[in-house]
Protein backbone atom coordinates (compact mmCIF):
# COMPACT_ATOMS: atom_id res chain seq x y z
CA UNK A 1 0.13 -26.07 10.77
CA UNK A 2 -1.53 -23.45 13.19
CA UNK A 3 -5.37 -22.65 13.38
CA UNK A 4 -6.88 -19.78 11.25
CA UNK A 5 -7.34 -17.74 14.24
CA UNK A 6 -6.21 -17.33 17.78
CA UNK A 7 -7.52 -15.66 20.99
CA UNK A 8 -5.40 -12.48 22.18
CA UNK A 9 -5.07 -13.41 26.09
CA UNK A 10 -6.54 -10.74 28.10
CA UNK A 11 -8.66 -9.01 25.76
CA UNK A 12 -10.98 -11.52 24.18
CA UNK A 13 -10.68 -10.48 20.65
CA UNK A 14 -10.10 -13.41 17.87
CA UNK A 15 -7.72 -12.07 15.17
CA UNK A 16 -5.61 -14.00 12.45
CA UNK A 17 -2.69 -15.65 13.61
CA UNK A 18 0.36 -14.17 11.36
CA UNK A 19 1.57 -17.15 9.69
CA UNK A 20 -2.26 -18.08 8.59
CA UNK A 21 -2.61 -14.63 7.60
CA UNK A 22 0.15 -15.07 5.16
CA UNK A 23 -0.70 -18.66 4.23
CA UNK A 24 -4.47 -17.47 3.41
CA UNK A 25 -3.04 -14.17 1.62
CA UNK A 26 -4.77 -12.93 -1.37
CA UNK A 27 -2.02 -9.94 -1.60
CA UNK A 28 -1.37 -11.23 -5.27
CA UNK A 29 -2.48 -15.00 -5.53
CA UNK A 30 -3.08 -16.32 -9.05
CA UNK A 31 -6.80 -17.38 -8.22
CA UNK A 32 -9.63 -17.15 -5.42
CA UNK A 33 -12.43 -19.37 -4.80
CA UNK A 34 -15.75 -17.23 -4.84
CA UNK A 35 -19.00 -19.44 -3.45
CA UNK A 36 -16.97 -22.53 -4.77
CA UNK A 37 -15.95 -21.29 -8.14
CA UNK A 38 -12.47 -20.71 -8.79
CA UNK A 39 -11.98 -17.17 -10.46
CA UNK A 40 -8.53 -15.67 -11.66
CA UNK A 41 -7.75 -12.37 -10.82
CA UNK A 42 -5.80 -9.89 -12.81
CA UNK A 43 -2.42 -12.41 -12.94
CA UNK A 44 -3.80 -14.47 -15.55
CA UNK A 45 -6.75 -12.33 -16.64
CA UNK A 46 -10.38 -12.75 -16.45
CA UNK A 47 -12.98 -14.21 -18.98
CA UNK A 48 -16.64 -13.71 -19.11
CA UNK A 49 -17.29 -17.46 -19.65
CA UNK A 50 -18.53 -17.27 -23.15
CA UNK A 51 -15.88 -18.39 -26.04
CA UNK A 52 -14.92 -15.95 -28.48
CA UNK A 53 -16.92 -13.24 -26.73
CA UNK A 54 -15.93 -9.64 -27.73
CA UNK A 55 -13.88 -8.20 -24.97
CA UNK A 56 -15.10 -5.15 -23.32
CA UNK A 57 -12.54 -2.25 -23.12
CA UNK A 58 -12.39 1.26 -21.40
CA UNK A 59 -10.10 4.09 -21.99
CA UNK A 60 -7.88 4.65 -18.96
CA UNK A 61 -5.84 7.86 -17.97
CA UNK A 62 -2.14 8.35 -18.69
CA UNK A 63 -0.48 7.05 -15.42
CA UNK A 64 3.07 7.78 -16.47
CA UNK A 65 2.45 11.49 -16.63
CA UNK A 66 3.79 14.50 -13.98
CA UNK A 67 5.38 13.78 -10.95
CA UNK A 68 5.20 9.87 -11.95
CA UNK A 69 7.00 10.32 -15.30
CA UNK A 70 10.63 8.85 -16.10
CA UNK A 71 12.46 5.97 -15.00
CA UNK A 72 13.04 5.35 -11.67
CA UNK A 73 16.36 4.71 -9.92
CA UNK A 74 16.72 0.90 -8.73
CA UNK A 75 18.86 0.49 -5.32
CA UNK A 76 21.62 -2.15 -6.36
CA UNK A 77 20.83 -3.96 -3.22
CA UNK A 78 17.76 -5.76 -4.12
CA UNK A 79 19.15 -8.61 -5.51
CA UNK A 80 21.22 -9.92 -2.52
CA UNK A 81 19.00 -8.03 0.28
CA UNK A 82 15.38 -8.78 -0.60
CA UNK A 83 16.07 -12.92 -0.54
CA UNK A 84 17.34 -12.76 2.84
CA UNK A 85 14.11 -10.41 4.21
CA UNK A 86 11.77 -13.05 2.06
CA UNK A 87 13.62 -16.27 3.59
CA UNK A 88 13.51 -14.24 7.34
CA UNK A 89 9.59 -14.02 6.70
CA UNK A 90 8.85 -17.46 5.46
CA UNK A 91 10.80 -18.91 8.22
CA UNK A 92 8.98 -16.74 10.89
CA UNK A 93 5.60 -17.34 9.93
CA UNK A 94 5.97 -21.00 8.78
CA UNK A 95 4.85 -20.29 5.48
CA UNK A 96 3.61 -23.18 3.09
CA UNK A 97 5.51 -23.56 -0.32
CA UNK A 98 2.24 -22.25 -2.20
CA UNK A 99 2.20 -18.79 -0.42
CA UNK A 100 5.89 -18.48 -0.32
CA UNK A 101 5.74 -18.98 -4.18
CA UNK A 102 3.58 -15.64 -3.89
CA UNK A 103 5.79 -13.90 -2.02
CA UNK A 104 8.60 -14.06 -3.66
CA UNK A 105 6.59 -13.38 -6.79
CA UNK A 106 5.37 -10.12 -5.41
CA UNK A 107 8.94 -9.20 -5.05
CA UNK A 108 8.54 -6.36 -2.12
CA UNK A 109 12.25 -5.47 -2.70
CA UNK A 110 11.97 -4.15 -5.87
CA UNK A 111 8.82 -1.61 -4.52
CA UNK A 112 11.51 -0.56 -1.80
CA UNK A 113 14.60 -0.26 -4.52
CA UNK A 114 12.24 2.06 -6.32
CA UNK A 115 11.17 4.07 -3.52
CA UNK A 116 14.48 3.97 -1.71
CA UNK A 117 17.37 3.73 -4.32
CA UNK A 118 20.02 5.52 -1.94
CA UNK A 119 19.19 3.65 1.28
CA UNK A 120 22.22 1.33 2.71
CA UNK A 121 22.16 -2.53 3.56
CA UNK A 122 20.93 -1.80 7.03
CA UNK A 123 18.04 0.76 5.97
CA UNK A 124 16.90 -1.46 2.68
CA UNK A 125 16.59 -4.69 5.07
CA UNK A 126 14.36 -2.86 7.53
CA UNK A 127 12.41 -1.07 4.75
CA UNK A 128 11.57 -4.55 2.86
CA UNK A 129 10.78 -6.35 6.07
CA UNK A 130 8.71 -3.31 7.08
CA UNK A 131 7.05 -3.44 3.45
CA UNK A 132 6.16 -7.29 3.71
CA UNK A 133 4.55 -6.99 6.98
CA UNK A 134 2.67 -3.90 5.92
CA UNK A 135 0.96 -6.00 2.77
CA UNK A 136 0.26 -8.70 4.61
CA UNK A 137 -1.13 -6.87 7.93
CA UNK A 138 -3.51 -5.06 5.55
CA UNK A 139 -4.79 -8.13 3.44
CA UNK A 140 -6.32 -9.42 6.71
CA UNK A 141 -8.38 -6.49 6.56
CA UNK A 142 -8.66 -5.98 2.27
CA UNK A 143 -9.75 -9.72 1.49
CA UNK A 144 -8.35 -11.55 4.59
CA UNK A 145 -10.53 -13.01 7.76
CA UNK A 146 -11.23 -9.65 9.33
CA UNK A 147 -12.35 -7.80 6.57
CA UNK A 148 -15.84 -6.98 7.79
CA UNK A 149 -14.92 -7.42 11.76
CA UNK A 150 -14.76 -4.08 13.15
CA UNK A 151 -14.39 -4.93 16.97
CA UNK A 152 -11.74 -7.88 16.52
CA UNK A 153 -10.07 -5.49 13.87
CA UNK A 154 -9.53 -2.39 16.51
CA UNK A 155 -8.25 -4.70 19.10
CA UNK A 156 -5.42 -6.01 16.50
CA UNK A 157 -4.75 -2.59 15.94
CA UNK A 158 -4.70 -1.15 19.45
CA UNK A 159 -2.19 -4.00 19.70
CA UNK A 160 0.00 -2.93 17.12
CA UNK A 161 0.52 0.39 17.97
CA UNK A 162 0.93 -0.34 21.48
CA UNK A 163 4.22 -2.08 20.08
CA UNK A 164 5.73 1.38 19.84
CA UNK A 165 4.97 2.42 23.33
CA UNK A 166 9.05 1.84 24.81
CA UNK A 167 7.30 -0.15 27.79
CA UNK A 168 6.07 -2.66 25.93
CA UNK A 169 7.52 -5.87 26.33
CA UNK A 170 9.02 -8.08 23.66
CA UNK A 171 6.85 -10.50 21.71
CA UNK A 172 7.03 -13.79 21.25
CA UNK A 173 7.71 -14.79 17.78
CA UNK A 174 5.94 -18.15 17.52
CA UNK A 175 2.64 -16.75 19.15
CA UNK A 176 2.46 -13.29 17.26
CA UNK A 177 4.91 -13.30 14.18
CA UNK A 178 3.24 -10.13 12.38
CA UNK A 179 3.45 -8.45 15.62
CA UNK A 180 7.31 -9.22 16.12
CA UNK A 181 8.00 -8.06 12.40
CA UNK A 182 6.80 -4.92 13.25
CA UNK A 183 8.21 -4.44 16.62
CA UNK A 184 11.69 -5.27 15.31
CA UNK A 185 11.06 -2.59 12.68
CA UNK A 186 10.39 -0.03 15.05
CA UNK A 187 13.04 -0.86 17.33
CA UNK A 188 15.81 -0.96 14.42
CA UNK A 189 13.79 2.65 13.29
CA UNK A 190 14.58 3.84 16.86
CA UNK A 191 18.31 2.48 16.84
CA UNK A 192 19.47 4.11 13.72
CA UNK A 193 17.98 7.76 14.35
CA UNK A 194 16.68 8.64 17.67
CA UNK A 195 15.49 12.47 16.41
CA UNK A 196 12.23 12.86 18.37
CA UNK A 197 10.39 14.53 15.32
CA UNK A 198 10.82 11.79 13.23
CA UNK A 199 10.06 8.81 15.49
CA UNK A 200 6.51 11.14 16.03
CA UNK A 201 6.01 11.28 12.53
CA UNK A 202 6.71 7.33 12.41
CA UNK A 203 3.87 6.80 15.15
CA UNK A 204 1.61 9.41 13.54
CA UNK A 205 1.49 8.12 10.19
CA UNK A 206 0.93 4.36 11.64
CA UNK A 207 -1.97 5.84 13.62
CA UNK A 208 -3.46 7.62 10.65
CA UNK A 209 -3.14 4.65 8.72
CA UNK A 210 -4.55 1.95 10.52
CA UNK A 211 -7.35 3.84 11.84
CA UNK A 212 -8.47 4.88 8.47
CA UNK A 213 -7.81 0.86 7.78
CA UNK A 214 -10.29 0.32 10.36
CA UNK A 215 -12.81 2.67 8.73
CA UNK A 216 -12.62 0.79 5.82
CA UNK A 217 -13.48 -2.68 8.03
CA UNK A 218 -16.39 -0.82 9.04
CA UNK A 219 -17.75 0.26 5.92
CA UNK A 220 -17.57 -3.26 4.90
CA UNK A 221 -19.42 -4.39 7.93
CA UNK A 222 -22.15 -2.27 7.47
CA UNK A 223 -22.22 -2.35 4.11
CA UNK A 224 -22.47 1.23 3.34
CA UNK A 225 -18.50 1.68 1.32
CA UNK A 226 -20.93 3.09 -1.42
CA UNK A 227 -22.73 5.57 0.53
CA UNK A 228 -19.51 7.75 1.61
CA UNK A 229 -18.80 11.01 -0.18
CA UNK A 230 -15.85 11.48 -2.72
CA UNK A 231 -14.04 13.93 -0.09
CA UNK A 232 -14.62 11.25 2.33
CA UNK A 233 -13.38 8.50 0.81
CA UNK A 234 -10.46 10.12 -0.77
CA UNK A 235 -9.60 10.97 2.82
CA UNK A 236 -9.58 7.98 3.83
CA UNK A 237 -7.98 6.36 1.26
CA UNK A 238 -4.64 8.42 1.25
CA UNK A 239 -4.54 7.15 4.85
CA UNK A 240 -5.08 3.70 4.41
CA UNK A 241 -2.89 3.21 1.40
CA UNK A 242 0.32 3.88 3.61
CA UNK A 243 2.00 6.04 1.55
CA UNK A 244 2.78 8.31 4.39
CA UNK A 245 4.45 5.47 6.36
CA UNK A 246 6.41 5.10 3.52
CA UNK A 247 7.47 8.73 2.96
CA UNK A 248 8.87 8.53 6.28
CA UNK A 249 10.42 5.17 6.04
CA UNK A 250 12.38 6.76 2.88
CA UNK A 251 13.06 9.86 4.93
CA UNK A 252 14.59 7.80 7.75
CA UNK A 253 16.27 5.16 5.08
CA UNK A 254 18.10 7.81 3.09
CA UNK A 255 18.89 10.46 6.36
CA UNK A 256 16.88 13.41 5.23
CA UNK A 257 16.82 16.22 8.17
CA UNK A 258 13.91 17.89 8.47
CA UNK A 259 12.08 19.38 11.76
CA UNK A 260 8.24 19.20 12.64
CA UNK A 261 7.55 23.10 11.70
CA UNK A 262 9.11 22.25 8.21
CA UNK A 263 7.20 19.42 7.59
CA UNK A 264 4.04 20.89 8.50
CA UNK A 265 4.39 23.70 6.03
CA UNK A 266 1.06 23.78 3.63
CA UNK A 267 3.45 23.17 0.59
CA UNK A 268 4.91 20.12 1.90
CA UNK A 269 1.60 18.97 3.31
CA UNK A 270 0.08 19.45 -0.22
CA UNK A 271 2.98 17.82 -2.11
CA UNK A 272 2.50 14.50 0.63
CA UNK A 273 -1.49 14.49 -0.05
CA UNK A 274 -0.95 14.31 -3.83
CA UNK A 275 1.52 11.83 -4.05
CA UNK A 276 -0.27 9.91 -1.88
CA UNK A 277 -3.66 10.75 -3.61
CA UNK A 278 -1.62 9.50 -7.06
CA UNK A 279 -0.66 6.22 -5.45
CA UNK A 280 -4.27 5.40 -4.77
CA UNK A 281 -5.71 6.40 -7.61
CA UNK A 282 -3.56 4.40 -9.79
CA UNK A 283 -4.29 1.31 -7.97
CA UNK A 284 -8.16 2.09 -8.26
CA UNK A 285 -7.58 2.36 -11.64
CA UNK A 286 -5.42 -0.74 -12.23
CA UNK A 287 -7.24 -2.68 -9.93
CA UNK A 288 -10.70 -2.06 -11.89
CA UNK A 289 -10.79 -5.37 -13.49
CA UNK A 290 -9.82 -7.49 -10.58
CA UNK A 291 -12.32 -5.74 -8.66
CA UNK A 292 -15.15 -6.38 -10.80
CA UNK A 293 -14.42 -9.77 -11.09
CA UNK A 294 -14.75 -10.40 -7.26
CA UNK A 295 -17.50 -7.86 -6.64
CA UNK A 296 -15.25 -5.45 -4.67
CA UNK A 297 -16.50 -2.21 -4.47
CA UNK A 298 -13.97 -0.31 -2.76
CA UNK A 299 -12.74 1.54 -5.79
CA UNK A 300 -13.49 5.10 -6.74
CA UNK A 301 -14.77 3.74 -10.19
CA UNK A 302 -17.31 2.11 -8.82
CA UNK A 303 -18.55 5.11 -6.16
CA UNK A 304 -18.87 7.63 -8.94
CA UNK A 305 -20.87 4.96 -10.79
CA UNK A 306 -22.95 5.03 -8.18
CA UNK A 307 -23.32 8.53 -8.28
CA UNK A 308 -24.62 8.63 -11.49
CA UNK A 309 -21.66 8.59 -13.96
CA UNK A 310 -21.12 5.97 -16.68
CA UNK A 311 -18.25 3.41 -16.50
CA UNK A 312 -16.31 5.70 -18.98
CA UNK A 313 -17.48 8.74 -16.97
CA UNK A 314 -16.31 7.49 -14.05
CA UNK A 315 -13.02 6.49 -15.41
CA UNK A 316 -12.37 9.79 -17.13
CA UNK A 317 -13.46 11.74 -13.85
CA UNK A 318 -10.62 9.86 -12.10
CA UNK A 319 -8.31 10.87 -14.76
CA UNK A 320 -9.36 14.59 -13.72
CA UNK A 321 -8.79 14.20 -9.83
CA UNK A 322 -5.00 12.95 -11.07
CA UNK A 323 -5.05 15.78 -13.13
CA UNK A 324 -5.57 17.89 -10.49
CA UNK A 325 -3.15 16.02 -7.91
CA UNK A 326 -0.17 16.99 -10.33
CA UNK A 327 -1.52 20.66 -10.70
CA UNK A 328 -1.85 20.77 -6.94
CA UNK A 329 1.91 19.54 -6.73
CA UNK A 330 2.97 21.80 -9.01
CA UNK A 331 1.40 25.03 -7.09
CA UNK A 332 3.06 23.87 -4.17
CA UNK A 333 6.55 23.44 -4.84
CA UNK A 334 5.82 26.88 -6.94
CA UNK A 335 5.26 28.26 -3.56
CA UNK A 336 7.84 26.70 -1.31
CA UNK A 337 9.31 29.52 0.71
CA UNK A 338 13.12 29.47 1.55
CA UNK A 339 14.73 28.27 4.92
CA UNK A 340 18.22 28.64 3.92
CA UNK A 341 20.51 27.10 1.68
CA UNK A 342 20.75 23.52 4.18
CA UNK A 343 17.06 22.98 4.71
CA UNK A 344 16.04 23.86 1.27
CA UNK A 345 18.19 21.00 -0.02
CA UNK A 346 16.39 18.56 2.64
CA UNK A 347 13.15 19.61 1.64
CA UNK A 348 13.70 18.97 -2.11
CA UNK A 349 15.34 15.88 -0.79
CA UNK A 350 12.31 14.71 1.10
CA UNK A 351 10.02 15.77 -1.82
CA UNK A 352 11.77 13.66 -4.42
CA UNK A 353 11.38 10.86 -1.58
CA UNK A 354 7.23 11.47 -2.11
CA UNK A 355 7.53 11.26 -5.77
CA UNK A 356 9.65 8.41 -5.80
CA UNK A 357 7.24 6.53 -3.67
CA UNK A 358 4.26 7.02 -5.33
CA UNK A 359 6.34 6.53 -8.86
CA UNK A 360 7.60 3.08 -7.51
CA UNK A 361 4.08 2.02 -6.68
CA UNK A 362 3.22 2.38 -10.24
CA UNK A 363 6.13 0.69 -11.68
CA UNK A 364 5.59 -2.37 -9.32
CA UNK A 365 2.28 -2.63 -9.80
CA UNK A 366 2.84 -3.31 -13.60
CA UNK A 367 6.24 -5.57 -13.08
CA UNK A 368 4.62 -7.97 -10.09
CA UNK A 369 1.55 -8.45 -12.24
CA UNK A 370 -0.79 -7.64 -9.11
CA UNK A 371 -3.46 -6.69 -11.44
CA UNK A 372 -2.51 -7.20 -15.25
CA UNK A 373 -1.03 -9.69 -17.14
CA UNK A 374 1.93 -8.93 -19.44
CA UNK A 375 -0.06 -8.36 -22.34
CA UNK A 376 -3.09 -6.26 -20.61
CA UNK A 377 -0.10 -4.39 -18.87
CA UNK A 378 1.30 -3.46 -22.64
CA UNK A 379 -1.74 -2.62 -23.88
CA UNK A 380 -2.76 -0.09 -20.75
CA UNK A 381 0.65 1.61 -20.88
CA UNK A 382 0.48 1.89 -24.72
CA UNK A 383 -2.96 2.38 -25.40
CA UNK A 384 -4.29 3.80 -22.43
CA UNK A 385 -7.09 0.84 -22.61
CA UNK A 386 -8.26 -1.73 -19.86
CA UNK A 387 -9.82 -4.72 -21.28
CA UNK A 388 -12.33 -5.90 -18.72
CA UNK A 389 -13.69 -9.21 -20.23
C-alpha cells in the first residue's frame, strides 16, 4: 500500500494520495478511533456508556414534506452499472477489502439512480463515477488528513480545477488516482455535450464548491467554526454540499437544454438555492447524533446553540429554516415568466432535476445507514424523533 501522503512535484504541497484517501475514508465507516478509543458512528448507533441508562431524544422537523415529499423514481440501470463503477474505483485506487466493503455499502449508484432516473447507460456510469470521486474527495477535508491543512488543501484544489483546462496533460492514474477519476469525468462531460454554457456551469459549480470546502478547512484550522454568522454558514454549506454540481450533472445526463440567461433568472436561482439548502439541512439534522459522538461542531444545530438556543430550540429553528426554503421555492415557481412553450418545458425539467437531487439525498441517507441504524431511521421518519444517547 502507498504511504499516507504524497508530495506534489513542483509545488511542494503534501496531499493525501487517492488510494490512501479511500483506504482511510470515514464516509460511512462503522467505527472510528478517537483518542485511542473506538466509537461507533450512526450506522450502528451510539451508547452513553451506562448500561440501562435512559435514552435522550430530540424532536426533529418533518424531512419528507414539500418538494422532498413523494416516492422518487429509480433508474433501472443501477443494479448493472453501479457494480461496474465500484469495481473500477476499487482497482484504480488499490482499495483494501475493508474500505471496498464500505464503498459497496454506501451504494452511491442508488443516490444517482434517484437523482437522474432518466439517464442512459453512458450518462449514468459517468454520474456514478463522479459521485464516488466527489464523496471521497470531500472526505479528505471533512474527516480526513486534510481537514485542517489550508495551504495543502488549496494546492490540491488548484490542481483539481486545472484539470478542466484543455491544455492540462493526461493524469497518470497510478500516481494520482483521484485526479485521474475527475479528469475522465470531465472528458466524458465534454464529449457528450460540447455546449459552452453547460460546460461553463460545470466549471463554475466546481469552483464554488471547492472554494467553500476550503473555507471550511480554514475554519477548522483556525478553530473558528462556531464564530461565523448563520447567513455566512448557510452560504458556505449550500456550495460545499455539492448540490449545484449535481444539478448540472443531472441537466447534462437528461439532455436538458437551457441557456445561461435562463439559468440566471432570479426564480431559477431561488429554486436552486432552496433545493441545495434543504439538502444540507437534512444532513445536519440526520448527522447531529454522529456529530455529537465525534465532537464535530460543523452543524447548524451546534451553531444555533452557540448563539443561545437550547438543543430543542436549535432543532426547531432548523425546521423553520427548512419551511422557509419550501416557501421560497413555491414563491419562485409562482413568479416564473414564460419563455415560450419549448423553453418552459426545459425549465420545468430542470426544476424537477433540482427537486430530485434534494430528495435523492434524503432517501439515500436513510437507506445507506450513513447516519442512523434501521431502528433509528424508522423512528426519525415516523415519529420525528432522533435518539441521541
